[in-house]
């Protein structure tokens, strides 16, 4: 009897211990993957979450200071490159030095073209490199004024050579701006242009499947300034290749008009007859073509949307 009682006691103790172990065991196995989060997310939630992840942390002042410092260092380095480039220029007379500045109107472009034309034959590489680096500098740091450099290119070079040069410099400068603001400018763009970034981000989301065509359209039409497209594209995750190719192709039509204007200015300056009816008609046609995108802005925008 004692042996049977002893066995019964051991079996009861084993059952109670196993029940205690099961009671302390977690409700699910932590080593197994949790499938509760595998449910598909709505498109709206995914978009909001992606936008949230792209926004900078407002409390991270160290990264903001580092970004501003890197931006300043890059700008000063570019200025140093410009200074070195222009240091290889020939010595200019005092009356020529007055016109060695970034053109802000047609008269400035004409006067600068007169100065550079005198030295272009003997110092062709210096003139070409100075023009290219200045154009890329303006595009990289989103500084307005490249339109008058496009006019100047038509004054200095043959039309198709000038067009290839302007398109290449525009694409290269926009690429530099894209890379610069993708590293140091995200917080600055979102902070100072929140409404524009939000509005254009919605437009980009609707046209991601044909981003190249959309980028070409934006470069041709005056819906958004080019400087804003350059600084905001990396912030809203516009792919690099459509951005660069769209820039190279899209800037060609407006640049061609500017180049033809510069060519006409050169002909008017160098010709013995300073003005003819053919040049007047040509300039009037250029002015009309340049106004067409503005006149049909609303119609084109509604068609795009």
C-alpha atoms as a PDB file:
ATOM      1  CA  UNK A   1       0.000   0.000   0.000  1.00  0.00           C
ATOM      2  CA  UNK A   2       2.793   2.402   0.805  1.00  0.00           C
ATOM      3  CA  UNK A   3       4.385   1.760  -2.603  1.00  0.00           C
ATOM      4  CA  UNK A   4       1.118   2.461  -4.455  1.00  0.00           C
ATOM      5  CA  UNK A   5       0.524   5.562  -2.404  1.00  0.00           C
ATOM      6  CA  UNK A   6       4.047   6.758  -3.174  1.00  0.00           C
ATOM      7  CA  UNK A   7       3.497   6.293  -6.955  1.00  0.00           C
ATOM      8  CA  UNK A   8       0.176   8.125  -6.824  1.00  0.00           C
ATOM      9  CA  UNK A   9       1.805  10.974  -4.953  1.00  0.00           C
ATOM     10  CA  UNK A  10       4.577  11.285  -7.606  1.00  0.00           C
ATOM     11  CA  UNK A  11       2.048  11.298 -10.451  1.00  0.00           C
ATOM     12  CA  UNK A  12       0.047  14.059  -8.766  1.00  0.00           C
ATOM     13  CA  UNK A  13       3.222  16.114  -8.221  1.00  0.00           C
ATOM     14  CA  UNK A  14       4.228  15.659 -11.915  1.00  0.00           C
ATOM     15  CA  UNK A  15       0.833  16.786 -13.160  1.00  0.00           C
ATOM     16  CA  UNK A  16       0.885  19.867 -10.938  1.00  0.00           C
ATOM     17  CA  UNK A  17       4.429  20.791 -12.016  1.00  0.00           C
ATOM     18  CA  UNK A  18       3.532  20.440 -15.720  1.00  0.00           C
ATOM     19  CA  UNK A  19       0.480  22.605 -15.158  1.00  0.00           C
ATOM     20  CA  UNK A  20       2.676  25.234 -13.496  1.00  0.00           C
ATOM     21  CA  UNK A  21       5.081  25.177 -16.437  1.00  0.00           C
ATOM     22  CA  UNK A  22       2.214  25.573 -18.907  1.00  0.00           C
ATOM     23  CA  UNK A  23       0.791  28.436 -16.861  1.00  0.00           C
ATOM     24  CA  UNK A  24       4.110  30.255 -16.978  1.00  0.00           C
ATOM     25  CA  UNK A  25       4.511  29.620 -20.732  1.00  0.00           C
ATOM     26  CA  UNK A  26       3.749  32.717 -22.915  1.00  0.00           C
ATOM     27  CA  UNK A  27       0.551  32.823 -24.917  1.00  0.00           C
ATOM     28  CA  UNK A  28       2.517  32.765 -28.212  1.00  0.00           C
ATOM     29  CA  UNK A  29       5.942  31.680 -29.307  1.00  0.00           C
ATOM     30  CA  UNK A  30       8.184  34.753 -29.652  1.00  0.00           C
ATOM     31  CA  UNK A  31      10.395  32.911 -32.101  1.00  0.00           C
ATOM     32  CA  UNK A  32       7.517  32.633 -34.558  1.00  0.00           C
ATOM     33  CA  UNK A  33       6.926  35.599 -36.890  1.00  0.00           C
ATOM     34  CA  UNK A  34       4.118  37.927 -35.943  1.00  0.00           C
ATOM     35  CA  UNK A  35       1.629  37.974 -38.796  1.00  0.00           C
ATOM     36  CA  UNK A  36      -0.624  40.614 -37.293  1.00  0.00           C
ATOM     37  CA  UNK A  37       1.364  43.369 -39.023  1.00  0.00           C
ATOM     38  CA  UNK A  38       1.330  41.729 -42.447  1.00  0.00           C
ATOM     39  CA  UNK A  39      -1.994  43.252 -43.378  1.00  0.00           C
ATOM     40  CA  UNK A  40      -1.820  45.461 -46.471  1.00  0.00           C
ATOM     41  CA  UNK A  41      -1.592  49.203 -45.827  1.00  0.00           C
ATOM     42  CA  UNK A  42      -3.749  51.671 -47.639  1.00  0.00           C
ATOM     43  CA  UNK A  43      -2.177  53.906 -50.247  1.00  0.00           C
ATOM     44  CA  UNK A  44      -2.987  56.975 -48.200  1.00  0.00           C
ATOM     45  CA  UNK A  45      -1.292  55.612 -45.111  1.00  0.00           C
ATOM     46  CA  UNK A  46       1.761  54.552 -47.084  1.00  0.00           C
ATOM     47  CA  UNK A  47       2.065  58.032 -48.611  1.00  0.00           C
ATOM     48  CA  UNK A  48       1.680  59.751 -45.233  1.00  0.00           C
ATOM     49  CA  UNK A  49       4.233  57.454 -43.653  1.00  0.00           C
ATOM     50  CA  UNK A  50       6.740  58.013 -46.439  1.00  0.00           C
ATOM     51  CA  UNK A  51       6.285  61.782 -46.194  1.00  0.00           C
ATOM     52  CA  UNK A  52       6.728  61.566 -42.439  1.00  0.00           C
ATOM     53  CA  UNK A  53       9.940  59.577 -42.794  1.00  0.00           C
ATOM     54  CA  UNK A  54      11.351  62.181 -45.186  1.00  0.00           C
ATOM     55  CA  UNK A  55      10.715  65.105 -42.843  1.00  0.00           C
ATOM     56  CA  UNK A  56      13.727  66.148 -40.740  1.00  0.00           C
ATOM     57  CA  UNK A  57      13.775  65.900 -36.959  1.00  0.00           C
ATOM     58  CA  UNK A  58      13.227  69.425 -35.654  1.00  0.00           C
ATOM     59  CA  UNK A  59      15.133  68.671 -32.476  1.00  0.00           C
ATOM     60  CA  UNK A  60      18.265  67.548 -34.273  1.00  0.00           C
ATOM     61  CA  UNK A  61      20.039  70.900 -34.319  1.00  0.00           C
ATOM     62  CA  UNK A  62      23.450  69.322 -34.797  1.00  0.00           C
ATOM     63  CA  UNK A  63      22.521  67.887 -38.202  1.00  0.00           C
ATOM     64  CA  UNK A  64      21.033  71.232 -39.267  1.00  0.00           C
ATOM     65  CA  UNK A  65      24.202  73.054 -38.341  1.00  0.00           C
ATOM     66  CA  UNK A  66      26.284  70.451 -40.120  1.00  0.00           C
ATOM     67  CA  UNK A  67      24.131  70.781 -43.245  1.00  0.00           C
ATOM     68  CA  UNK A  68      24.444  74.567 -43.260  1.00  0.00           C
ATOM     69  CA  UNK A  69      28.185  74.318 -42.684  1.00  0.00           C
ATOM     70  CA  UNK A  70      28.599  71.843 -45.550  1.00  0.00           C
ATOM     71  CA  UNK A  71      26.466  74.042 -47.815  1.00  0.00           C
ATOM     72  CA  UNK A  72      28.628  77.081 -47.009  1.00  0.00           C
ATOM     73  CA  UNK A  73      31.844  75.137 -47.580  1.00  0.00           C
ATOM     74  CA  UNK A  74      30.558  73.885 -50.942  1.00  0.00           C
ATOM     75  CA  UNK A  75      29.552  77.404 -51.972  1.00  0.00           C
ATOM     76  CA  UNK A  76      32.939  78.856 -51.004  1.00  0.00           C
ATOM     77  CA  UNK A  77      34.727  76.051 -52.852  1.00  0.00           C
ATOM     78  CA  UNK A  78      32.710  76.800 -55.986  1.00  0.00           C
ATOM     79  CA  UNK A  79      33.560  80.500 -55.663  1.00  0.00           C
ATOM     80  CA  UNK A  80      37.237  79.583 -55.412  1.00  0.00           C
ATOM     81  CA  UNK A  81      36.970  77.526 -58.617  1.00  0.00           C
ATOM     82  CA  UNK A  82      35.327  80.499 -60.342  1.00  0.00           C
ATOM     83  CA  UNK A  83      38.110  82.801 -59.164  1.00  0.00           C
ATOM     84  CA  UNK A  84      40.826  80.436 -60.397  1.00  0.00           C
ATOM     85  CA  UNK A  85      39.069  80.121 -63.768  1.00  0.00           C
ATOM     86  CA  UNK A  86      38.864  83.873 -64.288  1.00  0.00           C
ATOM     87  CA  UNK A  87      42.441  84.359 -63.114  1.00  0.00           C
ATOM     88  CA  UNK A  88      43.575  82.773 -66.417  1.00  0.00           C
ATOM     89  CA  UNK A  89      41.798  85.486 -68.379  1.00  0.00           C
ATOM     90  CA  UNK A  90      43.913  87.998 -70.278  1.00  0.00           C
ATOM     91  CA  UNK A  91      44.420  91.434 -68.830  1.00  0.00           C
ATOM     92  CA  UNK A  92      41.464  93.657 -69.581  1.00  0.00           C
ATOM     93  CA  UNK A  93      41.262  97.395 -69.948  1.00  0.00           C
ATOM     94  CA  UNK A  94      39.386  99.381 -67.361  1.00  0.00           C
ATOM     95  CA  UNK A  95      36.460 100.014 -69.682  1.00  0.00           C
ATOM     96  CA  UNK A  96      36.225  96.258 -70.318  1.00  0.00           C
ATOM     97  CA  UNK A  97      36.362  95.289 -66.640  1.00  0.00           C
ATOM     98  CA  UNK A  98      33.180  97.285 -66.026  1.00  0.00           C
ATOM     99  CA  UNK A  99      31.215  94.822 -68.171  1.00  0.00           C
ATOM    100  CA  UNK A 100      32.760  91.655 -66.692  1.00  0.00           C
ATOM    101  CA  UNK A 101      29.779  90.812 -64.496  1.00  0.00           C
ATOM    102  CA  UNK A 102      26.801  88.520 -64.498  1.00  0.00           C
ATOM    103  CA  UNK A 103      24.327  89.950 -67.045  1.00  0.00           C
ATOM    104  CA  UNK A 104      20.971  90.993 -65.632  1.00  0.00           C
ATOM    105  CA  UNK A 105      19.388  92.314 -68.816  1.00  0.00           C
ATOM    106  CA  UNK A 106      19.859  92.280 -72.563  1.00  0.00           C
ATOM    107  CA  UNK A 107      22.177  95.280 -72.577  1.00  0.00           C
ATOM    108  CA  UNK A 108      24.485  93.647 -70.014  1.00  0.00           C
ATOM    109  CA  UNK A 109      24.581  90.495 -72.133  1.00  0.00           C
ATOM    110  CA  UNK A 110      25.419  92.500 -75.251  1.00  0.00           C
ATOM    111  CA  UNK A 111      28.201  94.465 -73.560  1.00  0.00           C
ATOM    112  CA  UNK A 112      29.684  91.315 -72.038  1.00  0.00           C
ATOM    113  CA  UNK A 113      29.478  89.621 -75.412  1.00  0.00           C
ATOM    114  CA  UNK A 114      31.421  92.470 -77.002  1.00  0.00           C
ATOM    115  CA  UNK A 115      34.217  92.077 -74.454  1.00  0.00           C
ATOM    116  CA  UNK A 116      34.428  88.290 -74.719  1.00  0.00           C
ATOM    117  CA  UNK A 117      34.250  88.298 -78.507  1.00  0.00           C
ATOM    118  CA  UNK A 118      37.449  90.344 -78.675  1.00  0.00           C
ATOM    119  CA  UNK A 119      39.365  87.648 -76.782  1.00  0.00           C
ATOM    120  CA  UNK A 120      37.525  84.508 -77.903  1.00  0.00           C
ATOM    121  CA  UNK A 121      39.806  83.726 -80.842  1.00  0.00           C
ATOM    122  CA  UNK A 122      43.044  83.806 -78.871  1.00  0.00           C
ATOM    123  CA  UNK A 123      41.646  82.567 -75.542  1.00  0.00           C
ATOM    124  CA  UNK A 124      38.888  80.247 -76.691  1.00  0.00           C
ATOM    125  CA  UNK A 125      39.306  77.629 -73.934  1.00  0.00           C
ATOM    126  CA  UNK A 126      39.351  80.295 -71.224  1.00  0.00           C
ATOM    127  CA  UNK A 127      36.146  81.863 -72.522  1.00  0.00           C
ATOM    128  CA  UNK A 128      34.440  78.486 -72.940  1.00  0.00           C
ATOM    129  CA  UNK A 129      35.443  77.232 -69.480  1.00  0.00           C
ATOM    130  CA  UNK A 130      34.470  80.505 -67.800  1.00  0.00           C
ATOM    131  CA  UNK A 131      31.046  80.435 -69.450  1.00  0.00           C
ATOM    132  CA  UNK A 132      30.457  76.752 -68.593  1.00  0.00           C
ATOM    133  CA  UNK A 133      31.575  76.973 -64.966  1.00  0.00           C
ATOM    134  CA  UNK A 134      29.537  80.135 -64.382  1.00  0.00           C
ATOM    135  CA  UNK A 135      26.427  78.509 -65.854  1.00  0.00           C
ATOM    136  CA  UNK A 136      26.893  75.352 -63.751  1.00  0.00           C
ATOM    137  CA  UNK A 137      27.520  77.500 -60.667  1.00  0.00           C
ATOM    138  CA  UNK A 138      24.197  79.319 -61.089  1.00  0.00           C
ATOM    139  CA  UNK A 139      22.298  76.077 -61.632  1.00  0.00           C
ATOM    140  CA  UNK A 140      23.968  74.295 -58.706  1.00  0.00           C
ATOM    141  CA  UNK A 141      23.028  76.930 -56.139  1.00  0.00           C
ATOM    142  CA  UNK A 142      19.662  77.843 -57.730  1.00  0.00           C
ATOM    143  CA  UNK A 143      20.738  81.411 -58.512  1.00  0.00           C
ATOM    144  CA  UNK A 144      18.587  83.176 -61.129  1.00  0.00           C
ATOM    145  CA  UNK A 145      20.242  84.683 -64.195  1.00  0.00           C
ATOM    146  CA  UNK A 146      21.049  81.743 -66.447  1.00  0.00           C
ATOM    147  CA  UNK A 147      18.592  82.960 -69.105  1.00  0.00           C
ATOM    148  CA  UNK A 148      20.903  85.856 -69.982  1.00  0.00           C
ATOM    149  CA  UNK A 149      23.844  83.466 -70.144  1.00  0.00           C
ATOM    150  CA  UNK A 150      21.839  81.503 -72.715  1.00  0.00           C
ATOM    151  CA  UNK A 151      21.456  84.721 -74.705  1.00  0.00           C
ATOM    152  CA  UNK A 152      25.198  85.300 -74.313  1.00  0.00           C
ATOM    153  CA  UNK A 153      25.951  81.819 -75.663  1.00  0.00           C
ATOM    154  CA  UNK A 154      24.110  82.727 -78.871  1.00  0.00           C
ATOM    155  CA  UNK A 155      26.250  85.843 -79.097  1.00  0.00           C
ATOM    156  CA  UNK A 156      29.529  83.941 -78.643  1.00  0.00           C
ATOM    157  CA  UNK A 157      29.048  80.571 -80.356  1.00  0.00           C
ATOM    158  CA  UNK A 158      27.269  79.091 -83.398  1.00  0.00           C
ATOM    159  CA  UNK A 159      23.603  78.311 -82.655  1.00  0.00           C
ATOM    160  CA  UNK A 160      23.732  74.503 -82.449  1.00  0.00           C
ATOM    161  CA  UNK A 161      27.009  74.495 -80.543  1.00  0.00           C
ATOM    162  CA  UNK A 162      25.511  77.001 -78.128  1.00  0.00           C
ATOM    163  CA  UNK A 163      22.374  74.844 -77.739  1.00  0.00           C
ATOM    164  CA  UNK A 164      24.393  71.721 -76.913  1.00  0.00           C
ATOM    165  CA  UNK A 165      26.508  73.728 -74.479  1.00  0.00           C
ATOM    166  CA  UNK A 166      23.504  75.239 -72.685  1.00  0.00           C
ATOM    167  CA  UNK A 167      21.642  71.929 -72.435  1.00  0.00           C
ATOM    168  CA  UNK A 168      24.747  70.160 -71.109  1.00  0.00           C
ATOM    169  CA  UNK A 169      25.500  72.868 -68.549  1.00  0.00           C
ATOM    170  CA  UNK A 170      21.858  72.939 -67.445  1.00  0.00           C
ATOM    171  CA  UNK A 171      21.759  69.168 -66.941  1.00  0.00           C
ATOM    172  CA  UNK A 172      25.119  69.094 -65.160  1.00  0.00           C
ATOM    173  CA  UNK A 173      24.279  72.054 -62.923  1.00  0.00           C
ATOM    174  CA  UNK A 174      20.865  70.603 -62.096  1.00  0.00           C
ATOM    175  CA  UNK A 175      22.554  67.293 -61.243  1.00  0.00           C
ATOM    176  CA  UNK A 176      24.928  69.061 -58.860  1.00  0.00           C
ATOM    177  CA  UNK A 177      21.981  70.844 -57.265  1.00  0.00           C
ATOM    178  CA  UNK A 178      20.108  67.537 -56.978  1.00  0.00           C
ATOM    179  CA  UNK A 179      23.036  65.874 -55.227  1.00  0.00           C
ATOM    180  CA  UNK A 180      23.741  68.847 -52.980  1.00  0.00           C
ATOM    181  CA  UNK A 181      20.190  69.251 -51.705  1.00  0.00           C
ATOM    182  CA  UNK A 182      19.661  65.512 -51.347  1.00  0.00           C
ATOM    183  CA  UNK A 183      22.479  65.563 -48.776  1.00  0.00           C
ATOM    184  CA  UNK A 184      22.218  68.906 -47.011  1.00  0.00           C
ATOM    185  CA  UNK A 185      19.071  70.631 -48.225  1.00  0.00           C
ATOM    186  CA  UNK A 186      16.130  68.410 -47.286  1.00  0.00           C
ATOM    187  CA  UNK A 187      15.401  70.183 -44.036  1.00  0.00           C
ATOM    188  CA  UNK A 188      15.860  73.618 -45.560  1.00  0.00           C
ATOM    189  CA  UNK A 189      13.475  72.975 -48.454  1.00  0.00           C
ATOM    190  CA  UNK A 190      10.735  71.492 -46.275  1.00  0.00           C
ATOM    191  CA  UNK A 191      11.112  74.247 -43.724  1.00  0.00           C
ATOM    192  CA  UNK A 192      11.025  77.252 -46.054  1.00  0.00           C
ATOM    193  CA  UNK A 193       8.758  75.899 -48.842  1.00  0.00           C
ATOM    194  CA  UNK A 194       6.334  73.523 -47.087  1.00  0.00           C
ATOM    195  CA  UNK A 195       3.238  74.397 -49.121  1.00  0.00           C
ATOM    196  CA  UNK A 196       5.019  74.218 -52.479  1.00  0.00           C
ATOM    197  CA  UNK A 197       6.686  70.929 -51.590  1.00  0.00           C
ATOM    198  CA  UNK A 198       3.412  69.392 -50.430  1.00  0.00           C
ATOM    199  CA  UNK A 199       1.514  70.539 -53.503  1.00  0.00           C
ATOM    200  CA  UNK A 200       4.161  69.443 -55.994  1.00  0.00           C
ATOM    201  CA  UNK A 201       4.629  66.136 -54.173  1.00  0.00           C
ATOM    202  CA  UNK A 202       0.982  65.285 -54.851  1.00  0.00           C
ATOM    203  CA  UNK A 203       1.488  66.150 -58.539  1.00  0.00           C
ATOM    204  CA  UNK A 204       4.600  63.975 -58.773  1.00  0.00           C
ATOM    205  CA  UNK A 205       2.831  61.013 -57.161  1.00  0.00           C
ATOM    206  CA  UNK A 206       0.224  61.112 -59.925  1.00  0.00           C
ATOM    207  CA  UNK A 207       2.840  61.135 -62.712  1.00  0.00           C
ATOM    208  CA  UNK A 208       5.526  58.745 -61.495  1.00  0.00           C
ATOM    209  CA  UNK A 209       4.767  56.221 -64.236  1.00  0.00           C
ATOM    210  CA  UNK A 210       5.726  58.752 -66.922  1.00  0.00           C
ATOM    211  CA  UNK A 211       8.112  60.947 -64.963  1.00  0.00           C
ATOM    212  CA  UNK A 212      10.367  61.709 -67.945  1.00  0.00           C
ATOM    213  CA  UNK A 213       7.514  63.235 -69.949  1.00  0.00           C
ATOM    214  CA  UNK A 214       6.296  65.136 -66.904  1.00  0.00           C
ATOM    215  CA  UNK A 215       9.776  66.555 -66.226  1.00  0.00           C
ATOM    216  CA  UNK A 216      10.165  67.643 -69.854  1.00  0.00           C
ATOM    217  CA  UNK A 217       6.769  69.328 -69.650  1.00  0.00           C
ATOM    218  CA  UNK A 218       7.756  71.221 -66.488  1.00  0.00           C
ATOM    219  CA  UNK A 219      11.024  72.418 -68.021  1.00  0.00           C
ATOM    220  CA  UNK A 220       9.280  73.782 -71.092  1.00  0.00           C
ATOM    221  CA  UNK A 221       6.304  75.426 -69.384  1.00  0.00           C
ATOM    222  CA  UNK A 222       6.419  78.169 -66.714  1.00  0.00           C
ATOM    223  CA  UNK A 223       4.355  76.295 -64.095  1.00  0.00           C
ATOM    224  CA  UNK A 224       7.295  75.930 -61.706  1.00  0.00           C
ATOM    225  CA  UNK A 225      10.592  77.847 -61.700  1.00  0.00           C
ATOM    226  CA  UNK A 226      13.597  75.748 -62.605  1.00  0.00           C
ATOM    227  CA  UNK A 227      15.427  76.581 -59.387  1.00  0.00           C
ATOM    228  CA  UNK A 228      12.581  75.131 -57.319  1.00  0.00           C
ATOM    229  CA  UNK A 229      12.455  71.978 -59.444  1.00  0.00           C
ATOM    230  CA  UNK A 230      16.188  71.503 -58.859  1.00  0.00           C
ATOM    231  CA  UNK A 231      16.092  71.858 -55.066  1.00  0.00           C
ATOM    232  CA  UNK A 232      12.790  70.051 -54.445  1.00  0.00           C
ATOM    233  CA  UNK A 233      13.223  67.009 -56.694  1.00  0.00           C
ATOM    234  CA  UNK A 234      15.495  65.059 -54.306  1.00  0.00           C
ATOM    235  CA  UNK A 235      13.242  65.942 -51.365  1.00  0.00           C
ATOM    236  CA  UNK A 236      10.143  64.344 -52.911  1.00  0.00           C
ATOM    237  CA  UNK A 237      12.127  61.405 -54.326  1.00  0.00           C
ATOM    238  CA  UNK A 238      12.096  62.168 -58.036  1.00  0.00           C
ATOM    239  CA  UNK A 239      14.335  59.557 -59.670  1.00  0.00           C
ATOM    240  CA  UNK A 240      17.684  60.839 -60.866  1.00  0.00           C
ATOM    241  CA  UNK A 241      17.677  59.600 -64.478  1.00  0.00           C
ATOM    242  CA  UNK A 242      14.278  61.080 -65.479  1.00  0.00           C
ATOM    243  CA  UNK A 243      15.334  64.272 -63.724  1.00  0.00           C
ATOM    244  CA  UNK A 244      18.581  64.617 -65.702  1.00  0.00           C
ATOM    245  CA  UNK A 245      17.226  63.508 -69.093  1.00  0.00           C
ATOM    246  CA  UNK A 246      14.089  65.608 -68.656  1.00  0.00           C
ATOM    247  CA  UNK A 247      16.257  68.617 -67.876  1.00  0.00           C
ATOM    248  CA  UNK A 248      18.549  68.095 -70.866  1.00  0.00           C
ATOM    249  CA  UNK A 249      15.645  67.702 -73.297  1.00  0.00           C
ATOM    250  CA  UNK A 250      13.183  70.101 -71.678  1.00  0.00           C
ATOM    251  CA  UNK A 251      15.449  73.150 -71.543  1.00  0.00           C
ATOM    252  CA  UNK A 252      16.189  72.929 -75.274  1.00  0.00           C
ATOM    253  CA  UNK A 253      13.120  74.785 -76.666  1.00  0.00           C
ATOM    254  CA  UNK A 254      13.280  77.859 -74.391  1.00  0.00           C
ATOM    255  CA  UNK A 255      17.083  77.888 -74.613  1.00  0.00           C
ATOM    256  CA  UNK A 256      16.930  77.820 -78.399  1.00  0.00           C
ATOM    257  CA  UNK A 257      14.789  80.958 -78.362  1.00  0.00           C
ATOM    258  CA  UNK A 258      17.282  82.683 -76.060  1.00  0.00           C
ATOM    259  CA  UNK A 259      20.206  81.562 -78.227  1.00  0.00           C
ATOM    260  CA  UNK A 260      18.537  82.868 -81.370  1.00  0.00           C
ATOM    261  CA  UNK A 261      18.022  86.163 -79.594  1.00  0.00           C
ATOM    262  CA  UNK A 262      21.733  86.303 -78.811  1.00  0.00           C
ATOM    263  CA  UNK A 263      22.592  85.461 -82.412  1.00  0.00           C
ATOM    264  CA  UNK A 264      20.341  88.273 -83.592  1.00  0.00           C
ATOM    265  CA  UNK A 265      21.997  90.688 -81.166  1.00  0.00           C
ATOM    266  CA  UNK A 266      25.388  89.681 -82.553  1.00  0.00           C
ATOM    267  CA  UNK A 267      24.227  90.240 -86.146  1.00  0.00           C
ATOM    268  CA  UNK A 268      22.781  93.620 -85.235  1.00  0.00           C
ATOM    269  CA  UNK A 269      25.995  94.637 -83.491  1.00  0.00           C
ATOM    270  CA  UNK A 270      28.402  93.452 -86.168  1.00  0.00           C
ATOM    271  CA  UNK A 271      26.342  94.387 -89.219  1.00  0.00           C
ATOM    272  CA  UNK A 272      26.796  97.735 -90.890  1.00  0.00           C
ATOM    273  CA  UNK A 273      23.026  98.189 -90.976  1.00  0.00           C
ATOM    274  CA  UNK A 274      22.041  98.014 -87.346  1.00  0.00           C
ATOM    275  CA  UNK A 275      18.428  97.107 -87.959  1.00  0.00           C
ATOM    276  CA  UNK A 276      16.294  95.534 -90.663  1.00  0.00           C
ATOM    277  CA  UNK A 277      12.690  94.522 -91.033  1.00  0.00           C
ATOM    278  CA  UNK A 278      13.615  90.839 -91.088  1.00  0.00           C
ATOM    279  CA  UNK A 279      15.263  91.119 -87.670  1.00  0.00           C
ATOM    280  CA  UNK A 280      12.275  93.036 -86.357  1.00  0.00           C
ATOM    281  CA  UNK A 281       9.907  90.290 -87.535  1.00  0.00           C
ATOM    282  CA  UNK A 282      12.170  87.613 -86.097  1.00  0.00           C
ATOM    283  CA  UNK A 283      12.308  89.273 -82.670  1.00  0.00           C
ATOM    284  CA  UNK A 284       8.533  89.774 -82.704  1.00  0.00           C
ATOM    285  CA  UNK A 285       8.101  86.066 -83.479  1.00  0.00           C
ATOM    286  CA  UNK A 286      10.388  85.099 -80.597  1.00  0.00           C
ATOM    287  CA  UNK A 287       8.437  87.309 -78.234  1.00  0.00           C
ATOM    288  CA  UNK A 288       5.162  85.713 -79.348  1.00  0.00           C
ATOM    289  CA  UNK A 289       6.504  82.179 -78.910  1.00  0.00           C
ATOM    290  CA  UNK A 290       7.806  82.986 -75.449  1.00  0.00           C
ATOM    291  CA  UNK A 291       4.364  84.234 -74.407  1.00  0.00           C
ATOM    292  CA  UNK A 292       2.416  81.203 -75.657  1.00  0.00           C
ATOM    293  CA  UNK A 293       3.073  79.012 -72.580  1.00  0.00           C
ATOM    294  CA  UNK A 294       1.961  81.862 -70.326  1.00  0.00           C
ATOM    295  CA  UNK A 295      -1.204  82.553 -72.339  1.00  0.00           C
ATOM    296  CA  UNK A 296      -2.219  78.889 -72.366  1.00  0.00           C
ATOM    297  CA  UNK A 297      -0.992  78.127 -68.848  1.00  0.00           C
ATOM    298  CA  UNK A 298      -4.420  77.323 -67.383  1.00  0.00           C
ATOM    299  CA  UNK A 299      -5.453  75.172 -70.363  1.00  0.00           C
ATOM    300  CA  UNK A 300      -2.238  73.179 -70.334  1.00  0.00           C
ATOM    301  CA  UNK A 301      -2.397  72.703 -66.578  1.00  0.00           C
ATOM    302  CA  UNK A 302      -5.969  71.385 -66.700  1.00  0.00           C
ATOM    303  CA  UNK A 303      -5.041  69.008 -69.525  1.00  0.00           C
ATOM    304  CA  UNK A 304      -2.076  67.708 -67.565  1.00  0.00           C
ATOM    305  CA  UNK A 305      -4.146  67.093 -64.450  1.00  0.00           C
END
